[in-house]
Each structure stands twice: as C-alpha cells, then as structure tokens.
Amino acid sequence: MAISASPISSTLRVNTNSCLASSSSILPLFNVSCNSAIRLSTIVVCSQKSGSGLIRGDKKALFERYGLDPNEFLSEPSSKSIRKKEMQKRGRGKQIPEEEAKAPRTTHTLLQVLGGKAKRKKLLSPAGMDVRPMMEVVKGSAFDILQAAGGCPASLRPGCWLDLYSGTGSVGIEAISRGCSEVHFVEMDPWVVSNVLQPNLESTGFLDVSVIHTVRVENFLERAEQFLGGGVSSKN
C-alpha cells in the first residue's frame, strides 16, 4: 500500500491594467495574485502481493479515509466474469453449451465364459463405465462355492437362475453354461439389452433358455410372481 501526493498547484489570477497616467508607451502592468488556500490532490495506489499487504478491513478503512468507495477497488471478480473476459480475449463470442453431446456408445470383448458348455467364449461389454461387470476372479470363486455347496463340484444343479442388474449377462450366462436350465435377466437399459445382453445370449446359444425383462429391478421384484409364475418370491 502506497500513498503519494501530487505536486502543489495554485490558482493564479492575472490582471492586465493599462497605466493611463503614464504618457510614455510602456508595457501593461501585471498584477499577479495567489490564493492563500492550497489544494492538495491525493492519489492512493493499492497493490497486493501474495502473503503480504494489508488485510481487507484495513484497506477499506484507508479508502474511506480518502473519500473513495472501497467496493470499487476491493470487489473480487466472479468466476463467471473471469470466464467471460477470457472468452473475449480469445475472440470467442459463442456460448458454450451446458452439456456437451454424449459420445456414441461402443462395445468391446474383454469378458469370457469361465466354465461349462460355453467355456472361453467371448462376451460383449460396454466400453465405458455405464455397466461394470463382475470381475472374473470373483465370478469364478462364487460359482465354485455354489457348486460345492450344491453337492456337485463339477456343475450347478438344474433350476431357475435370476440375474438382477444383469448388464452384460455374464453371471446368468455362466450359470446356464454350468448347468442351470433357465435364467431370467433383469436390465432396465434398452441399449444394453439390444447391443450387449441379447448378442451375448445369441453368440453362446443360450437365447432359447433365457428371458429378458427390460424393467427396473424394484418393479420386477414387486411383480416377481407374475413374471416367474410363482417360482420365485420377492420375500425370499
């Protein structure tokens, strides 16, 4: 913070009165007078460096002391105004859309069936993070535990399998491959159903023993008996 005063200035009055009493041709007489009151013009220079300088309250008091509006000098620019200035500097007058158009969704084949009739067959999965399939290590361990608990370590017992939030359908497909006779897949995303789940069932040859429900899981459980013919209760 620095305060400097401009040089002293005074108002001069110049009177040019011709000397009528003089008979000779002389220059006019000049009467120069100066006001006794001298007006000072004060300049307040405020600069701030990181980690030094006055706090905001001291600066405000200093500006008010010299009859200045603190808000005019201490107001911080908003992020919106900063972005606007940056756009003007870059010569961009166009408005930036709030939400950019989403990139088209794609698939890749990073998954595979781990055991059973369709072992090592590749499965499609979305390339993004919209669907996160179960890790193969976890899936393999889970099925090994289920098979051992069912008394048949080599395969699952025939029965109905319910794959909720199925996504790629890798869990239900693994169940069919290991011995289940029927699987119900519940997936609410139509794009995933048509571009991932159904193609996976077709490529593994399990489409005929599968039922796809394109509804929310909560809605499916409320009408589970209707969908499954009483085979599964939502209370179990």
C-alpha atoms as a PDB file:
ATOM      1  CA  MET A   1       0.000   0.000   0.000  1.00  0.00           C
ATOM      2  CA  ALA A   2       1.489   3.382  -1.014  1.00  0.00           C
ATOM      3  CA  ILE A   3       0.193   6.948  -0.758  1.00  0.00           C
ATOM      4  CA  SER A   4       1.679   9.773  -2.801  1.00  0.00           C
ATOM      5  CA  ALA A   5       0.680  13.436  -3.158  1.00  0.00           C
ATOM      6  CA  SER A   6       0.788  15.280  -6.460  1.00  0.00           C
ATOM      7  CA  PRO A   7       2.867  18.483  -6.675  1.00  0.00           C
ATOM      8  CA  ILE A   8       1.354  21.586  -5.070  1.00  0.00           C
ATOM      9  CA  SER A   9      -0.692  23.560  -7.524  1.00  0.00           C
ATOM     10  CA  SER A  10      -2.115  27.052  -7.134  1.00  0.00           C
ATOM     11  CA  THR A  11      -4.630  29.149  -8.997  1.00  0.00           C
ATOM     12  CA  LEU A  12      -3.113  32.281 -10.491  1.00  0.00           C
ATOM     13  CA  ARG A  13      -5.037  35.419 -11.268  1.00  0.00           C
ATOM     14  CA  VAL A  14      -3.595  37.695 -13.894  1.00  0.00           C
ATOM     15  CA  ASN A  15      -4.962  41.258 -14.298  1.00  0.00           C
ATOM     16  CA  THR A  16      -3.832  43.359 -17.216  1.00  0.00           C
ATOM     17  CA  ASN A  17      -4.492  47.026 -16.477  1.00  0.00           C
ATOM     18  CA  SER A  18      -3.156  49.720 -18.771  1.00  0.00           C
ATOM     19  CA  CYS A  19      -1.407  52.562 -16.988  1.00  0.00           C
ATOM     20  CA  LEU A  20      -3.469  55.569 -18.130  1.00  0.00           C
ATOM     21  CA  ALA A  21      -1.397  58.045 -16.094  1.00  0.00           C
ATOM     22  CA  SER A  22       1.755  57.260 -17.965  1.00  0.00           C
ATOM     23  CA  SER A  23       2.497  59.362 -21.004  1.00  0.00           C
ATOM     24  CA  SER A  24       5.108  57.001 -22.266  1.00  0.00           C
ATOM     25  CA  SER A  25       4.385  53.856 -24.200  1.00  0.00           C
ATOM     26  CA  ILE A  26       5.206  51.073 -21.800  1.00  0.00           C
ATOM     27  CA  LEU A  27       4.077  47.546 -21.302  1.00  0.00           C
ATOM     28  CA  PRO A  28       0.869  46.950 -19.349  1.00  0.00           C
ATOM     29  CA  LEU A  29       1.189  46.331 -15.676  1.00  0.00           C
ATOM     30  CA  PHE A  30       0.560  42.774 -14.498  1.00  0.00           C
ATOM     31  CA  ASN A  31      -0.972  42.098 -11.113  1.00  0.00           C
ATOM     32  CA  VAL A  32      -0.326  38.507 -10.093  1.00  0.00           C
ATOM     33  CA  SER A  33      -2.098  37.159  -7.021  1.00  0.00           C
ATOM     34  CA  CYS A  34      -2.199  33.689  -5.485  1.00  0.00           C
ATOM     35  CA  ASN A  35      -4.956  32.160  -3.374  1.00  0.00           C
ATOM     36  CA  SER A  36      -3.881  31.529   0.168  1.00  0.00           C
ATOM     37  CA  ALA A  37      -5.647  28.162   0.240  1.00  0.00           C
ATOM     38  CA  ILE A  38      -3.607  25.456  -1.450  1.00  0.00           C
ATOM     39  CA  ARG A  39      -5.500  22.419  -2.670  1.00  0.00           C
ATOM     40  CA  LEU A  40      -3.798  19.047  -2.487  1.00  0.00           C
ATOM     41  CA  SER A  41      -4.744  16.228  -4.839  1.00  0.00           C
ATOM     42  CA  THR A  42      -4.149  12.828  -3.236  1.00  0.00           C
ATOM     43  CA  ILE A  43      -3.507   9.667  -5.213  1.00  0.00           C
ATOM     44  CA  VAL A  44      -3.983   6.330  -3.459  1.00  0.00           C
ATOM     45  CA  VAL A  45      -2.137   3.410  -5.008  1.00  0.00           C
ATOM     46  CA  CYS A  46      -3.060  -0.043  -3.737  1.00  0.00           C
ATOM     47  CA  SER A  47      -1.047  -3.095  -4.677  1.00  0.00           C
ATOM     48  CA  GLN A  48      -1.138  -6.559  -3.189  1.00  0.00           C
ATOM     49  CA  LYS A  49       1.337  -9.409  -3.296  1.00  0.00           C
ATOM     50  CA  SER A  50       0.769 -12.962  -2.185  1.00  0.00           C
ATOM     51  CA  GLY A  51       1.490 -13.378   1.511  1.00  0.00           C
ATOM     52  CA  SER A  52       1.886  -9.658   2.248  1.00  0.00           C
ATOM     53  CA  GLY A  53      -0.057  -6.417   2.456  1.00  0.00           C
ATOM     54  CA  LEU A  54      -2.943  -5.125   4.496  1.00  0.00           C
ATOM     55  CA  ILE A  55      -5.992  -7.152   5.288  1.00  0.00           C
ATOM     56  CA  ARG A  56      -9.267  -6.293   3.633  1.00  0.00           C
ATOM     57  CA  GLY A  57     -10.627  -4.325   6.614  1.00  0.00           C
ATOM     58  CA  ASP A  58      -7.553  -2.058   6.743  1.00  0.00           C
ATOM     59  CA  LYS A  59      -7.757  -1.402   3.025  1.00  0.00           C
ATOM     60  CA  LYS A  60     -11.421  -0.498   3.301  1.00  0.00           C
ATOM     61  CA  ALA A  61     -10.736   1.965   6.114  1.00  0.00           C
ATOM     62  CA  LEU A  62      -7.895   3.523   4.140  1.00  0.00           C
ATOM     63  CA  PHE A  63     -10.045   4.081   1.066  1.00  0.00           C
ATOM     64  CA  GLU A  64     -12.850   5.570   3.169  1.00  0.00           C
ATOM     65  CA  ARG A  65     -10.346   7.897   4.821  1.00  0.00           C
ATOM     66  CA  TYR A  66      -9.584   9.472   1.484  1.00  0.00           C
ATOM     67  CA  GLY A  67     -13.211   9.642   0.378  1.00  0.00           C
ATOM     68  CA  LEU A  68     -13.080   6.694  -2.015  1.00  0.00           C
ATOM     69  CA  ASP A  69     -15.574   3.876  -2.459  1.00  0.00           C
ATOM     70  CA  PRO A  70     -13.922   0.664  -1.167  1.00  0.00           C
ATOM     71  CA  ASN A  71     -16.278  -1.569  -3.148  1.00  0.00           C
ATOM     72  CA  GLU A  72     -14.992  -0.116  -6.397  1.00  0.00           C
ATOM     73  CA  PHE A  73     -11.441  -1.212  -5.673  1.00  0.00           C
ATOM     74  CA  LEU A  74     -11.785  -4.258  -3.421  1.00  0.00           C
ATOM     75  CA  SER A  75     -14.556  -6.186  -5.163  1.00  0.00           C
ATOM     76  CA  GLU A  76     -13.301  -9.524  -6.481  1.00  0.00           C
ATOM     77  CA  PRO A  77     -14.361 -10.573  -9.977  1.00  0.00           C
ATOM     78  CA  SER A  78     -16.677 -13.554 -10.108  1.00  0.00           C
ATOM     79  CA  SER A  79     -15.707 -16.751 -11.884  1.00  0.00           C
ATOM     80  CA  LYS A  80     -18.378 -16.030 -14.471  1.00  0.00           C
ATOM     81  CA  SER A  81     -16.948 -12.624 -15.314  1.00  0.00           C
ATOM     82  CA  ILE A  82     -13.445 -14.102 -15.492  1.00  0.00           C
ATOM     83  CA  ARG A  83     -14.597 -16.726 -17.978  1.00  0.00           C
ATOM     84  CA  LYS A  84     -16.370 -14.052 -19.996  1.00  0.00           C
ATOM     85  CA  LYS A  85     -13.222 -11.952 -20.182  1.00  0.00           C
ATOM     86  CA  GLU A  86     -11.155 -14.955 -21.210  1.00  0.00           C
ATOM     87  CA  MET A  87     -13.605 -15.728 -23.998  1.00  0.00           C
ATOM     88  CA  GLN A  88     -13.462 -12.152 -25.197  1.00  0.00           C
ATOM     89  CA  LYS A  89      -9.668 -12.278 -25.260  1.00  0.00           C
ATOM     90  CA  ARG A  90      -9.746 -15.453 -27.295  1.00  0.00           C
ATOM     91  CA  GLY A  91     -12.286 -13.961 -29.642  1.00  0.00           C
ATOM     92  CA  ARG A  92     -14.990 -16.437 -28.797  1.00  0.00           C
ATOM     93  CA  GLY A  93     -18.395 -14.875 -28.730  1.00  0.00           C
ATOM     94  CA  LYS A  94     -20.309 -18.136 -28.896  1.00  0.00           C
ATOM     95  CA  GLN A  95     -21.999 -19.550 -25.837  1.00  0.00           C
ATOM     96  CA  ILE A  96     -20.692 -22.868 -24.541  1.00  0.00           C
ATOM     97  CA  PRO A  97     -23.486 -25.438 -24.187  1.00  0.00           C
ATOM     98  CA  GLU A  98     -24.099 -26.601 -20.629  1.00  0.00           C
ATOM     99  CA  GLU A  99     -23.966 -30.257 -21.566  1.00  0.00           C
ATOM    100  CA  GLU A 100     -21.891 -31.476 -24.445  1.00  0.00           C
ATOM    101  CA  ALA A 101     -23.367 -34.130 -26.674  1.00  0.00           C
ATOM    102  CA  LYS A 102     -22.562 -37.599 -25.380  1.00  0.00           C
ATOM    103  CA  ALA A 103     -20.200 -39.707 -27.438  1.00  0.00           C
ATOM    104  CA  PRO A 104     -21.738 -42.747 -29.148  1.00  0.00           C
ATOM    105  CA  ARG A 105     -21.660 -45.867 -27.002  1.00  0.00           C
ATOM    106  CA  THR A 106     -19.466 -48.724 -28.130  1.00  0.00           C
ATOM    107  CA  THR A 107     -18.668 -52.266 -27.014  1.00  0.00           C
ATOM    108  CA  HIS A 108     -15.606 -54.459 -26.658  1.00  0.00           C
ATOM    109  CA  THR A 109     -14.896 -58.127 -25.920  1.00  0.00           C
ATOM    110  CA  LEU A 110     -12.921 -58.244 -22.687  1.00  0.00           C
ATOM    111  CA  LEU A 111     -15.062 -60.839 -20.892  1.00  0.00           C
ATOM    112  CA  GLN A 112     -15.373 -64.564 -21.386  1.00  0.00           C
ATOM    113  CA  VAL A 113     -17.274 -67.545 -20.023  1.00  0.00           C
ATOM    114  CA  LEU A 114     -15.125 -69.290 -17.411  1.00  0.00           C
ATOM    115  CA  GLY A 115     -16.570 -72.799 -17.280  1.00  0.00           C
ATOM    116  CA  GLY A 116     -19.156 -75.235 -18.591  1.00  0.00           C
ATOM    117  CA  LYS A 117     -20.513 -75.735 -22.083  1.00  0.00           C
ATOM    118  CA  ALA A 118     -19.629 -72.214 -23.329  1.00  0.00           C
ATOM    119  CA  LYS A 119     -16.189 -72.038 -21.706  1.00  0.00           C
ATOM    120  CA  ARG A 120     -13.804 -69.427 -23.201  1.00  0.00           C
ATOM    121  CA  LYS A 121     -16.474 -67.870 -25.399  1.00  0.00           C
ATOM    122  CA  LYS A 122     -16.048 -64.089 -25.615  1.00  0.00           C
ATOM    123  CA  LEU A 123     -18.732 -61.746 -24.299  1.00  0.00           C
ATOM    124  CA  LEU A 124     -19.513 -58.161 -25.258  1.00  0.00           C
ATOM    125  CA  SER A 125     -19.447 -55.379 -22.676  1.00  0.00           C
ATOM    126  CA  PRO A 126     -19.877 -51.579 -22.919  1.00  0.00           C
ATOM    127  CA  ALA A 127     -16.627 -49.693 -23.456  1.00  0.00           C
ATOM    128  CA  GLY A 128     -17.499 -47.057 -20.844  1.00  0.00           C
ATOM    129  CA  MET A 129     -18.344 -47.221 -17.152  1.00  0.00           C
ATOM    130  CA  ASP A 130     -22.141 -47.398 -17.560  1.00  0.00           C
ATOM    131  CA  VAL A 131     -22.034 -51.149 -16.922  1.00  0.00           C
ATOM    132  CA  ARG A 132     -19.410 -52.660 -14.619  1.00  0.00           C
ATOM    133  CA  PRO A 133     -19.323 -56.453 -14.967  1.00  0.00           C
ATOM    134  CA  MET A 134     -18.341 -58.714 -12.101  1.00  0.00           C
ATOM    135  CA  MET A 135     -14.619 -59.444 -12.025  1.00  0.00           C
ATOM    136  CA  GLU A 136     -13.783 -62.865 -13.462  1.00  0.00           C
ATOM    137  CA  VAL A 137     -11.852 -63.904 -10.351  1.00  0.00           C
ATOM    138  CA  VAL A 138     -14.836 -63.092  -8.129  1.00  0.00           C
ATOM    139  CA  LYS A 139     -17.282 -64.731 -10.514  1.00  0.00           C
ATOM    140  CA  GLY A 140     -15.236 -67.924 -10.760  1.00  0.00           C
ATOM    141  CA  SER A 141     -14.862 -68.196  -6.986  1.00  0.00           C
ATOM    142  CA  ALA A 142     -18.581 -67.580  -6.410  1.00  0.00           C
ATOM    143  CA  PHE A 143     -19.621 -70.354  -8.787  1.00  0.00           C
ATOM    144  CA  ASP A 144     -17.088 -72.777  -7.316  1.00  0.00           C
ATOM    145  CA  ILE A 145     -18.599 -72.152  -3.865  1.00  0.00           C
ATOM    146  CA  LEU A 146     -22.167 -72.613  -5.152  1.00  0.00           C
ATOM    147  CA  GLN A 147     -21.293 -75.838  -6.933  1.00  0.00           C
ATOM    148  CA  ALA A 148     -19.566 -77.246  -3.864  1.00  0.00           C
ATOM    149  CA  ALA A 149     -22.484 -76.231  -1.641  1.00  0.00           C
ATOM    150  CA  GLY A 150     -24.915 -77.939  -4.009  1.00  0.00           C
ATOM    151  CA  GLY A 151     -23.059 -81.207  -3.720  1.00  0.00           C
ATOM    152  CA  CYS A 152     -21.873 -81.196  -7.323  1.00  0.00           C
ATOM    153  CA  PRO A 153     -18.474 -79.505  -7.716  1.00  0.00           C
ATOM    154  CA  ALA A 154     -18.409 -80.070 -11.473  1.00  0.00           C
ATOM    155  CA  SER A 155     -21.637 -78.205 -12.289  1.00  0.00           C
ATOM    156  CA  LEU A 156     -24.740 -76.500 -10.955  1.00  0.00           C
ATOM    157  CA  ARG A 157     -27.981 -78.334 -10.362  1.00  0.00           C
ATOM    158  CA  PRO A 158     -30.745 -77.746 -12.918  1.00  0.00           C
ATOM    159  CA  GLY A 159     -33.037 -74.929 -11.893  1.00  0.00           C
ATOM    160  CA  CYS A 160     -34.051 -71.306 -12.442  1.00  0.00           C
ATOM    161  CA  TRP A 161     -31.464 -68.535 -12.073  1.00  0.00           C
ATOM    162  CA  LEU A 162     -32.315 -64.862 -11.528  1.00  0.00           C
ATOM    163  CA  ASP A 163     -29.732 -62.335 -12.769  1.00  0.00           C
ATOM    164  CA  LEU A 164     -30.636 -58.873 -11.399  1.00  0.00           C
ATOM    165  CA  TYR A 165     -28.935 -55.766 -12.803  1.00  0.00           C
ATOM    166  CA  SER A 166     -27.677 -58.189 -15.429  1.00  0.00           C
ATOM    167  CA  GLY A 167     -25.920 -55.711 -17.749  1.00  0.00           C
ATOM    168  CA  THR A 168     -23.728 -57.917 -19.940  1.00  0.00           C
ATOM    169  CA  GLY A 169     -25.460 -61.040 -18.634  1.00  0.00           C
ATOM    170  CA  SER A 170     -22.116 -62.658 -17.822  1.00  0.00           C
ATOM    171  CA  VAL A 171     -23.333 -64.083 -14.490  1.00  0.00           C
ATOM    172  CA  GLY A 172     -26.520 -65.592 -15.888  1.00  0.00           C
ATOM    173  CA  ILE A 173     -24.697 -66.934 -18.939  1.00  0.00           C
ATOM    174  CA  GLU A 174     -22.123 -68.542 -16.642  1.00  0.00           C
ATOM    175  CA  ALA A 175     -24.982 -70.174 -14.732  1.00  0.00           C
ATOM    176  CA  ILE A 176     -26.504 -71.644 -17.901  1.00  0.00           C
ATOM    177  CA  SER A 177     -23.104 -72.814 -19.084  1.00  0.00           C
ATOM    178  CA  ARG A 178     -22.569 -74.639 -15.774  1.00  0.00           C
ATOM    179  CA  GLY A 179     -25.910 -76.461 -15.708  1.00  0.00           C
ATOM    180  CA  CYS A 180     -28.855 -74.133 -14.930  1.00  0.00           C
ATOM    181  CA  SER A 181     -31.905 -74.845 -17.064  1.00  0.00           C
ATOM    182  CA  GLU A 182     -33.395 -71.319 -17.246  1.00  0.00           C
ATOM    183  CA  VAL A 183     -32.249 -67.761 -16.491  1.00  0.00           C
ATOM    184  CA  HIS A 184     -34.238 -64.535 -16.084  1.00  0.00           C
ATOM    185  CA  PHE A 185     -32.244 -61.393 -16.864  1.00  0.00           C
ATOM    186  CA  VAL A 186     -33.422 -58.033 -15.461  1.00  0.00           C
ATOM    187  CA  GLU A 187     -31.855 -54.977 -17.106  1.00  0.00           C
ATOM    188  CA  MET A 188     -33.520 -51.564 -17.474  1.00  0.00           C
ATOM    189  CA  ASP A 189     -31.200 -50.058 -20.131  1.00  0.00           C
ATOM    190  CA  PRO A 190     -32.674 -50.784 -23.600  1.00  0.00           C
ATOM    191  CA  TRP A 191     -29.365 -50.021 -25.326  1.00  0.00           C
ATOM    192  CA  VAL A 192     -27.503 -52.556 -23.185  1.00  0.00           C
ATOM    193  CA  VAL A 193     -30.212 -55.144 -23.798  1.00  0.00           C
ATOM    194  CA  SER A 194     -30.179 -54.775 -27.589  1.00  0.00           C
ATOM    195  CA  ASN A 195     -26.436 -54.213 -28.111  1.00  0.00           C
ATOM    196  CA  VAL A 196     -24.830 -56.294 -25.356  1.00  0.00           C
ATOM    197  CA  LEU A 197     -27.060 -58.738 -23.488  1.00  0.00           C
ATOM    198  CA  GLN A 198     -29.038 -60.202 -26.380  1.00  0.00           C
ATOM    199  CA  PRO A 199     -25.980 -60.571 -28.686  1.00  0.00           C
ATOM    200  CA  ASN A 200     -24.162 -62.390 -25.856  1.00  0.00           C
ATOM    201  CA  LEU A 201     -27.042 -64.843 -25.478  1.00  0.00           C
ATOM    202  CA  GLU A 202     -27.126 -65.400 -29.225  1.00  0.00           C
ATOM    203  CA  SER A 203     -23.375 -65.999 -29.517  1.00  0.00           C
ATOM    204  CA  THR A 204     -23.384 -68.522 -26.662  1.00  0.00           C
ATOM    205  CA  GLY A 205     -26.526 -70.273 -27.925  1.00  0.00           C
ATOM    206  CA  PHE A 206     -28.494 -69.638 -24.715  1.00  0.00           C
ATOM    207  CA  LEU A 207     -31.186 -67.308 -26.068  1.00  0.00           C
ATOM    208  CA  ASP A 208     -33.859 -70.041 -26.107  1.00  0.00           C
ATOM    209  CA  VAL A 209     -33.481 -70.744 -22.379  1.00  0.00           C
ATOM    210  CA  SER A 210     -33.332 -67.085 -21.358  1.00  0.00           C
ATOM    211  CA  VAL A 211     -35.988 -64.490 -20.518  1.00  0.00           C
ATOM    212  CA  ILE A 212     -35.077 -60.783 -20.637  1.00  0.00           C
ATOM    213  CA  HIS A 213     -37.062 -58.289 -18.538  1.00  0.00           C
ATOM    214  CA  THR A 214     -36.376 -54.674 -19.552  1.00  0.00           C
ATOM    215  CA  VAL A 215     -37.686 -53.098 -16.342  1.00  0.00           C
ATOM    216  CA  ARG A 216     -36.349 -51.647 -13.113  1.00  0.00           C
ATOM    217  CA  VAL A 217     -35.326 -54.245 -10.561  1.00  0.00           C
ATOM    218  CA  GLU A 218     -37.676 -52.719  -7.966  1.00  0.00           C
ATOM    219  CA  ASN A 219     -40.639 -53.050 -10.329  1.00  0.00           C
ATOM    220  CA  PHE A 220     -39.647 -56.590 -11.219  1.00  0.00           C
ATOM    221  CA  LEU A 221     -39.495 -57.686  -7.575  1.00  0.00           C
ATOM    222  CA  GLU A 222     -42.937 -56.217  -6.898  1.00  0.00           C
ATOM    223  CA  ARG A 223     -44.347 -58.455  -9.646  1.00  0.00           C
ATOM    224  CA  ALA A 224     -41.938 -61.375  -9.322  1.00  0.00           C
ATOM    225  CA  GLU A 225     -44.682 -63.996  -9.048  1.00  0.00           C
ATOM    226  CA  GLN A 226     -46.320 -62.657 -12.205  1.00  0.00           C
ATOM    227  CA  PHE A 227     -43.053 -62.695 -14.156  1.00  0.00           C
ATOM    228  CA  LEU A 228     -41.802 -66.062 -12.890  1.00  0.00           C
ATOM    229  CA  GLY A 229     -45.103 -67.885 -12.485  1.00  0.00           C
ATOM    230  CA  GLY A 230     -44.720 -68.223  -8.716  1.00  0.00           C
ATOM    231  CA  GLY A 231     -41.297 -69.833  -8.965  1.00  0.00           C
ATOM    232  CA  VAL A 232     -39.556 -67.073  -7.001  1.00  0.00           C
ATOM    233  CA  SER A 233     -40.972 -64.981  -4.161  1.00  0.00           C
ATOM    234  CA  SER A 234     -39.825 -61.398  -3.604  1.00  0.00           C
ATOM    235  CA  LYS A 235     -39.763 -62.127   0.152  1.00  0.00           C
ATOM    236  CA  ASN A 236     -37.071 -64.799  -0.184  1.00  0.00           C
END
